[in-house]
PDB file of N, CA and C in Angstrom:
ATOM      1  N   MET A   1       0.724  -1.143  -0.431  1.00  0.00           N
ATOM      2  CA  MET A   1       0.067  -0.009   0.096  1.00  0.00           C
ATOM      3  C   MET A   1       0.972   0.908  -0.119  1.00  0.00           C
ATOM      4  N   SER A   2       0.847   1.953  -0.811  1.00  0.00           N
ATOM      5  CA  SER A   2       1.776   3.361  -0.905  1.00  0.00           C
ATOM      6  C   SER A   2       0.555   4.496  -0.729  1.00  0.00           C
ATOM      7  N   SER A   3       1.388   4.843  -0.226  1.00  0.00           N
ATOM      8  CA  SER A   3       0.782   6.716   0.747  1.00  0.00           C
ATOM      9  C   SER A   3       0.632   7.411  -0.180  1.00  0.00           C
ATOM     10  N   SER A   4      -0.252   8.387  -0.156  1.00  0.00           N
ATOM     11  CA  SER A   4      -0.318   9.537  -0.826  1.00  0.00           C
ATOM     12  C   SER A   4       0.263  10.914  -0.941  1.00  0.00           C
ATOM     13  N   PRO A   5       0.495  11.655  -1.133  1.00  0.00           N
ATOM     14  CA  PRO A   5       1.325  12.907  -0.706  1.00  0.00           C
ATOM     15  C   PRO A   5       0.830  13.370   0.177  1.00  0.00           C
ATOM     16  N   THR A   6      -0.810  13.458   0.679  1.00  0.00           N
ATOM     17  CA  THR A   6      -1.389  14.209   1.228  1.00  0.00           C
ATOM     18  C   THR A   6      -1.495  13.039   2.606  1.00  0.00           C
ATOM     19  N   GLU A   7      -1.311  12.010   2.987  1.00  0.00           N
ATOM     20  CA  GLU A   7      -1.063  11.379   3.617  1.00  0.00           C
ATOM     21  C   GLU A   7      -0.430  11.794   5.302  1.00  0.00           C
ATOM     22  N   VAL A   8      -1.577  11.851   6.215  1.00  0.00           N
ATOM     23  CA  VAL A   8      -1.067  12.212   7.705  1.00  0.00           C
ATOM     24  C   VAL A   8      -0.478  11.034   8.110  1.00  0.00           C
ATOM     25  N   PHE A   9       0.582  11.503   8.958  1.00  0.00           N
ATOM     26  CA  PHE A   9       0.845  10.478   9.786  1.00  0.00           C
ATOM     27  C   PHE A   9       1.131  10.836  11.364  1.00  0.00           C
ATOM     28  N   LEU A  10       0.741   9.671  11.828  1.00  0.00           N
ATOM     29  CA  LEU A  10       0.961  10.089  13.640  1.00  0.00           C
ATOM     30  C   LEU A  10       2.206   9.005  14.283  1.00  0.00           C
ATOM     31  N   TYR A  11       3.006   9.898  15.043  1.00  0.00           N
ATOM     32  CA  TYR A  11       3.471   9.239  15.889  1.00  0.00           C
ATOM     33  C   TYR A  11       2.845   8.507  17.473  1.00  0.00           C
ATOM     34  N   TYR A  12       3.495   7.727  18.163  1.00  0.00           N
ATOM     35  CA  TYR A  12       2.894   6.985  19.272  1.00  0.00           C
ATOM     36  C   TYR A  12       2.423   8.617  20.183  1.00  0.00           C
ATOM     37  N   ARG A  13       3.481   9.572  20.205  1.00  0.00           N
ATOM     38  CA  ARG A  13       2.717  10.733  21.202  1.00  0.00           C
ATOM     39  C   ARG A  13       1.835  11.182  20.587  1.00  0.00           C
ATOM     40  N   ASP A  14       1.351  11.170  19.324  1.00  0.00           N
ATOM     41  CA  ASP A  14       0.313  11.598  18.455  1.00  0.00           C
ATOM     42  C   ASP A  14      -1.071  10.904  18.458  1.00  0.00           C
ATOM     43  N   LEU A  15      -1.170   9.609  19.123  1.00  0.00           N
ATOM     44  CA  LEU A  15      -2.479   8.726  18.983  1.00  0.00           C
ATOM     45  C   LEU A  15      -2.917   9.112  20.019  1.00  0.00           C
ATOM     46  N   ARG A  16      -2.453   9.559  21.500  1.00  0.00           N
ATOM     47  CA  ARG A  16      -3.399   9.630  22.498  1.00  0.00           C
ATOM     48  C   ARG A  16      -4.193  11.059  21.975  1.00  0.00           C
ATOM     49  N   ASP A  17      -4.079  11.620  21.393  1.00  0.00           N
ATOM     50  CA  ASP A  17      -4.967  12.963  20.899  1.00  0.00           C
ATOM     51  C   ASP A  17      -5.913  12.761  19.895  1.00  0.00           C
ATOM     52  N   HIS A  18      -5.780  11.069  19.447  1.00  0.00           N
ATOM     53  CA  HIS A  18      -6.957  11.059  18.277  1.00  0.00           C
ATOM     54  C   HIS A  18      -7.201   9.911  18.942  1.00  0.00           C
ATOM     55  N   GLY A  19      -7.899   9.490  20.475  1.00  0.00           N
ATOM     56  CA  GLY A  19      -8.708   9.053  20.690  1.00  0.00           C
ATOM     57  C   GLY A  19      -8.260   7.380  21.148  1.00  0.00           C
ATOM     58  N   ILE A  20      -6.316   7.061  21.219  1.00  0.00           N
ATOM     59  CA  ILE A  20      -5.693   5.664  21.161  1.00  0.00           C
ATOM     60  C   ILE A  20      -5.609   5.786  22.686  1.00  0.00           C
ATOM     61  N   PRO A  21      -6.223   5.590  23.439  1.00  0.00           N
ATOM     62  CA  PRO A  21      -5.144   5.536  25.302  1.00  0.00           C
ATOM     63  C   PRO A  21      -4.246   4.701  25.132  1.00  0.00           C
ATOM     64  N   PHE A  22      -4.175   4.005  24.572  1.00  0.00           N
ATOM     65  CA  PHE A  22      -2.866   1.953  24.718  1.00  0.00           C
ATOM     66  C   PHE A  22      -1.459   2.600  24.958  1.00  0.00           C
ATOM     67  N   CYS A  23      -1.208   1.734  26.195  1.00  0.00           N
ATOM     68  CA  CYS A  23       0.278   2.081  26.039  1.00  0.00           C
ATOM     69  C   CYS A  23       1.184   1.377  24.965  1.00  0.00           C
ATOM     70  N   ARG A  24       2.500   1.635  24.600  1.00  0.00           N
ATOM     71  CA  ARG A  24       3.079   1.025  23.402  1.00  0.00           C
ATOM     72  C   ARG A  24       3.228  -0.214  23.830  1.00  0.00           C
ATOM     73  N   LEU A  25       3.220  -1.089  25.066  1.00  0.00           N
ATOM     74  CA  LEU A  25       3.359  -2.066  24.938  1.00  0.00           C
ATOM     75  C   LEU A  25       1.588  -2.995  24.603  1.00  0.00           C
ATOM     76  N   HIS A  26       0.845  -2.649  24.749  1.00  0.00           N
ATOM     77  CA  HIS A  26      -0.427  -2.897  24.388  1.00  0.00           C
ATOM     78  C   HIS A  26      -1.028  -3.064  22.833  1.00  0.00           C
ATOM     79  N   ILE A  27      -0.237  -1.481  22.231  1.00  0.00           N
ATOM     80  CA  ILE A  27      -0.235  -1.314  20.845  1.00  0.00           C
ATOM     81  C   ILE A  27       0.640  -2.269  20.343  1.00  0.00           C
ATOM     82  N   ASN A  28       1.722  -2.951  20.637  1.00  0.00           N
ATOM     83  CA  ASN A  28       2.449  -3.854  20.164  1.00  0.00           C
ATOM     84  C   ASN A  28       1.803  -5.376  20.328  1.00  0.00           C
ATOM     85  N   ARG A  29       1.103  -5.673  21.374  1.00  0.00           N
ATOM     86  CA  ARG A  29       0.661  -6.845  21.643  1.00  0.00           C
ATOM     87  C   ARG A  29      -0.569  -7.129  20.250  1.00  0.00           C
ATOM     88  N   LEU A  30      -1.398  -5.781  20.292  1.00  0.00           N
ATOM     89  CA  LEU A  30      -2.425  -5.860  19.008  1.00  0.00           C
ATOM     90  C   LEU A  30      -1.906  -5.586  17.879  1.00  0.00           C
ATOM     91  N   MET A  31      -0.924  -5.175  17.578  1.00  0.00           N
ATOM     92  CA  MET A  31      -0.420  -5.505  16.294  1.00  0.00           C
ATOM     93  C   MET A  31       0.084  -6.947  15.785  1.00  0.00           C
ATOM     94  N   ALA A  32       0.611  -7.782  16.749  1.00  0.00           N
ATOM     95  CA  ALA A  32       1.355  -8.797  16.993  1.00  0.00           C
ATOM     96  C   ALA A  32      -0.383  -9.746  16.673  1.00  0.00           C
ATOM     97  N   LYS A  33      -1.407  -9.501  16.921  1.00  0.00           N
ATOM     98  CA  LYS A  33      -2.553 -10.102  16.493  1.00  0.00           C
ATOM     99  C   LYS A  33      -3.421  -9.987  15.852  1.00  0.00           C
ATOM    100  N   GLY A  34      -2.701  -8.649  14.869  1.00  0.00           N
ATOM    101  CA  GLY A  34      -3.542  -8.099  13.541  1.00  0.00           C
ATOM    102  C   GLY A  34      -4.478  -7.387  14.116  1.00  0.00           C
ATOM    103  N   LEU A  35      -5.044  -6.770  15.269  1.00  0.00           N
ATOM    104  CA  LEU A  35      -6.121  -6.148  15.900  1.00  0.00           C
ATOM    105  C   LEU A  35      -6.200  -4.595  15.737  1.00  0.00           C
ATOM    106  N   PHE A  36      -5.139  -4.313  15.457  1.00  0.00           N
ATOM    107  CA  PHE A  36      -4.055  -2.985  15.157  1.00  0.00           C
ATOM    108  C   PHE A  36      -3.683  -2.667  14.033  1.00  0.00           C
ATOM    109  N   PRO A  37      -3.798  -1.451  13.473  1.00  0.00           N
ATOM    110  CA  PRO A  37      -3.002  -1.415  12.671  1.00  0.00           C
ATOM    111  C   PRO A  37      -1.484  -1.144  12.079  1.00  0.00           C
ATOM    112  N   ARG A  38      -0.812  -1.523  11.610  1.00  0.00           N
ATOM    113  CA  ARG A  38       0.475  -1.869  11.653  1.00  0.00           C
ATOM    114  C   ARG A  38       1.525  -0.510  11.626  1.00  0.00           C
ATOM    115  N   ALA A  39       2.818  -0.883  12.258  1.00  0.00           N
ATOM    116  CA  ALA A  39       3.329   0.565  12.203  1.00  0.00           C
ATOM    117  C   ALA A  39       4.155   0.482  11.101  1.00  0.00           C
ATOM    118  N   ILE A  40       4.750   2.592  10.424  1.00  0.00           N
ATOM    119  CA  ILE A  40       5.355   2.038   9.301  1.00  0.00           C
ATOM    120  C   ILE A  40       6.838   2.616  10.237  1.00  0.00           C
ATOM    121  N   TRP A  41       7.717   1.891   9.582  1.00  0.00           N
ATOM    122  CA  TRP A  41       9.269   2.214  10.477  1.00  0.00           C
ATOM    123  C   TRP A  41       9.532   3.484   9.340  1.00  0.00           C
ATOM    124  N   LEU A  42       9.955   4.482  10.217  1.00  0.00           N
ATOM    125  CA  LEU A  42      10.241   5.960   9.097  1.00  0.00           C
ATOM    126  C   LEU A  42      12.011   5.755   9.302  1.00  0.00           C
ATOM    127  N   SER A  43      12.947   5.086  10.116  1.00  0.00           N
ATOM    128  CA  SER A  43      13.872   5.059  10.547  1.00  0.00           C
ATOM    129  C   SER A  43      14.555   3.665  11.292  1.00  0.00           C
ATOM    130  N   ALA A  44      15.243   3.291  11.588  1.00  0.00           N
ATOM    131  CA  ALA A  44      15.579   2.049  12.888  1.00  0.00           C
ATOM    132  C   ALA A  44      14.768   2.234  14.004  1.00  0.00           C
ATOM    133  N   ASN A  45      14.716   3.396  14.836  1.00  0.00           N
ATOM    134  CA  ASN A  45      14.182   3.319  15.847  1.00  0.00           C
ATOM    135  C   ASN A  45      12.804   4.486  16.204  1.00  0.00           C
ATOM    136  N   ARG A  46      12.125   4.608  14.555  1.00  0.00           N
ATOM    137  CA  ARG A  46      11.095   5.578  14.382  1.00  0.00           C
ATOM    138  C   ARG A  46       9.733   5.282  13.528  1.00  0.00           C
ATOM    139  N   LYS A  47       8.755   4.995  14.217  1.00  0.00           N
ATOM    140  CA  LYS A  47       7.635   4.687  13.647  1.00  0.00           C
ATOM    141  C   LYS A  47       6.658   5.593  13.933  1.00  0.00           C
ATOM    142  N   CYS A  48       5.993   5.501  12.774  1.00  0.00           N
ATOM    143  CA  CYS A  48       4.319   6.083  12.748  1.00  0.00           C
ATOM    144  C   CYS A  48       3.166   5.073  12.334  1.00  0.00           C
ATOM    145  N   TRP A  49       2.391   5.782  12.448  1.00  0.00           N
ATOM    146  CA  TRP A  49       1.005   5.271  12.087  1.00  0.00           C
ATOM    147  C   TRP A  49       0.060   6.053  11.056  1.00  0.00           C
ATOM    148  N   ARG A  50      -0.319   5.081   9.867  1.00  0.00           N
ATOM    149  CA  ARG A  50      -1.290   6.049   9.104  1.00  0.00           C
ATOM    150  C   ARG A  50      -2.542   6.728   9.756  1.00  0.00           C
ATOM    151  N   LEU A  51      -2.986   8.245   9.523  1.00  0.00           N
ATOM    152  CA  LEU A  51      -3.964   8.706  10.347  1.00  0.00           C
ATOM    153  C   LEU A  51      -5.334   7.908   9.543  1.00  0.00           C
ATOM    154  N   SER A  52      -5.550   7.642   8.457  1.00  0.00           N
ATOM    155  CA  SER A  52      -6.235   7.009   7.654  1.00  0.00           C
ATOM    156  C   SER A  52      -6.489   5.620   8.659  1.00  0.00           C
ATOM    157  N   GLU A  53      -5.877   4.882   8.653  1.00  0.00           N
ATOM    158  CA  GLU A  53      -5.439   3.401   9.270  1.00  0.00           C
ATOM    159  C   GLU A  53      -6.018   3.463  10.996  1.00  0.00           C
ATOM    160  N   ILE A  54      -5.559   4.648  11.442  1.00  0.00           N
ATOM    161  CA  ILE A  54      -6.583   4.666  13.048  1.00  0.00           C
ATOM    162  C   ILE A  54      -7.546   5.024  13.064  1.00  0.00           C
ATOM    163  N   GLU A  55      -8.063   6.323  11.981  1.00  0.00           N
ATOM    164  CA  GLU A  55      -9.731   6.414  11.644  1.00  0.00           C
ATOM    165  C   GLU A  55     -10.759   5.231  11.350  1.00  0.00           C
ATOM    166  N   ARG A  56     -10.355   4.279  10.556  1.00  0.00           N
ATOM    167  CA  ARG A  56     -10.691   2.986  10.250  1.00  0.00           C
ATOM    168  C   ARG A  56     -10.937   2.130  11.449  1.00  0.00           C
ATOM    169  N   PHE A  57      -9.473   2.099  11.964  1.00  0.00           N
ATOM    170  CA  PHE A  57      -9.960   0.935  13.391  1.00  0.00           C
ATOM    171  C   PHE A  57     -10.852   1.634  14.407  1.00  0.00           C
ATOM    172  N   LYS A  58     -10.883   2.814  13.976  1.00  0.00           N
ATOM    173  CA  LYS A  58     -11.513   3.801  15.743  1.00  0.00           C
ATOM    174  C   LYS A  58     -13.036   3.628  14.690  1.00  0.00           C
ATOM    175  N   ALA A  59     -13.273   3.448  13.920  1.00  0.00           N
ATOM    176  CA  ALA A  59     -14.660   3.115  13.821  1.00  0.00           C
ATOM    177  C   ALA A  59     -15.069   1.863  13.576  1.00  0.00           C
ATOM    178  N   THR A  60     -14.526   0.940  13.630  1.00  0.00           N
ATOM    179  CA  THR A  60     -14.697  -0.733  14.403  1.00  0.00           C
ATOM    180  C   THR A  60     -14.823  -0.897  15.536  1.00  0.00           C
ATOM    181  N   ARG A  61     -14.329   0.470  16.329  1.00  0.00           N
ATOM    182  CA  ARG A  61     -14.414   0.070  17.930  1.00  0.00           C
ATOM    183  C   ARG A  61     -15.947   0.519  17.931  1.00  0.00           C
ATOM    184  N   PRO A  62     -16.662  -0.321  19.558  1.00  0.00           N
ATOM    185  CA  PRO A  62     -17.387   0.368  19.872  1.00  0.00           C
ATOM    186  C   PRO A  62     -17.458   1.755  20.852  1.00  0.00           C
ATOM    187  N   THR A  63     -18.776   2.696  20.680  1.00  0.00           N
ATOM    188  CA  THR A  63     -18.235   3.821  21.199  1.00  0.00           C
ATOM    189  C   THR A  63     -18.751   4.059  22.354  1.00  0.00           C
ATOM    190  N   SER A  64     -19.883   2.689  23.358  1.00  0.00           N
ATOM    191  CA  SER A  64     -19.795   3.312  24.723  1.00  0.00           C
ATOM    192  C   SER A  64     -20.070   1.657  25.220  1.00  0.00           C
ATOM    193  N   ARG A  65     -19.493   1.794  26.453  1.00  0.00           N
ATOM    194  CA  ARG A  65     -20.147   0.359  26.944  1.00  0.00           C
ATOM    195  C   ARG A  65     -21.268   0.165  27.966  1.00  0.00           C
ATOM    196  N   PRO A  66     -21.843  -0.840  27.972  1.00  0.00           N
ATOM    197  CA  PRO A  66     -23.299  -0.997  28.436  1.00  0.00           C
ATOM    198  C   PRO A  66     -23.358  -0.508  30.084  1.00  0.00           C
ATOM    199  N   ALA A  67     -24.323  -0.247  30.579  1.00  0.00           N
ATOM    200  CA  ALA A  67     -24.289  -0.127  31.904  1.00  0.00           C
ATOM    201  C   ALA A  67     -23.993  -1.267  32.440  1.00  0.00           C
ATOM    202  N   ALA A  68     -23.541  -1.139  34.000  1.00  0.00           N
ATOM    203  CA  ALA A  68     -23.307  -2.271  34.359  1.00  0.00           C
ATOM    204  C   ALA A  68     -24.168  -2.418  35.288  1.00  0.00           C
ATOM    205  N   LYS A  69     -25.108  -4.127  35.470  1.00  0.00           N
ATOM    206  CA  LYS A  69     -25.844  -4.623  36.148  1.00  0.00           C
ATOM    207  C   LYS A  69     -25.786  -4.778  37.694  1.00  0.00           C
ATOM    208  N   GLY A  70     -26.247  -4.171  38.415  1.00  0.00           N
ATOM    209  CA  GLY A  70     -26.115  -4.312  39.969  1.00  0.00           C
ATOM    210  C   GLY A  70     -27.202  -4.575  40.843  1.00  0.00           C
TER     211      GLY A  70
END
């Protein structure tokens, strides 16, 4: 998949601003299971994610939790 000239990339520090509250370890676990968009390596120790893929991921998540019964 090639990126378009207008593609926006997010670093880990930007994910929280886009509604992804997970720690790095959890994100890595989800990526390993294929449950989170794969990161793009910009250099040996610098990775990011496509905003479009993060938006698609968020669209598949539930928006609210059911009320607790008690």
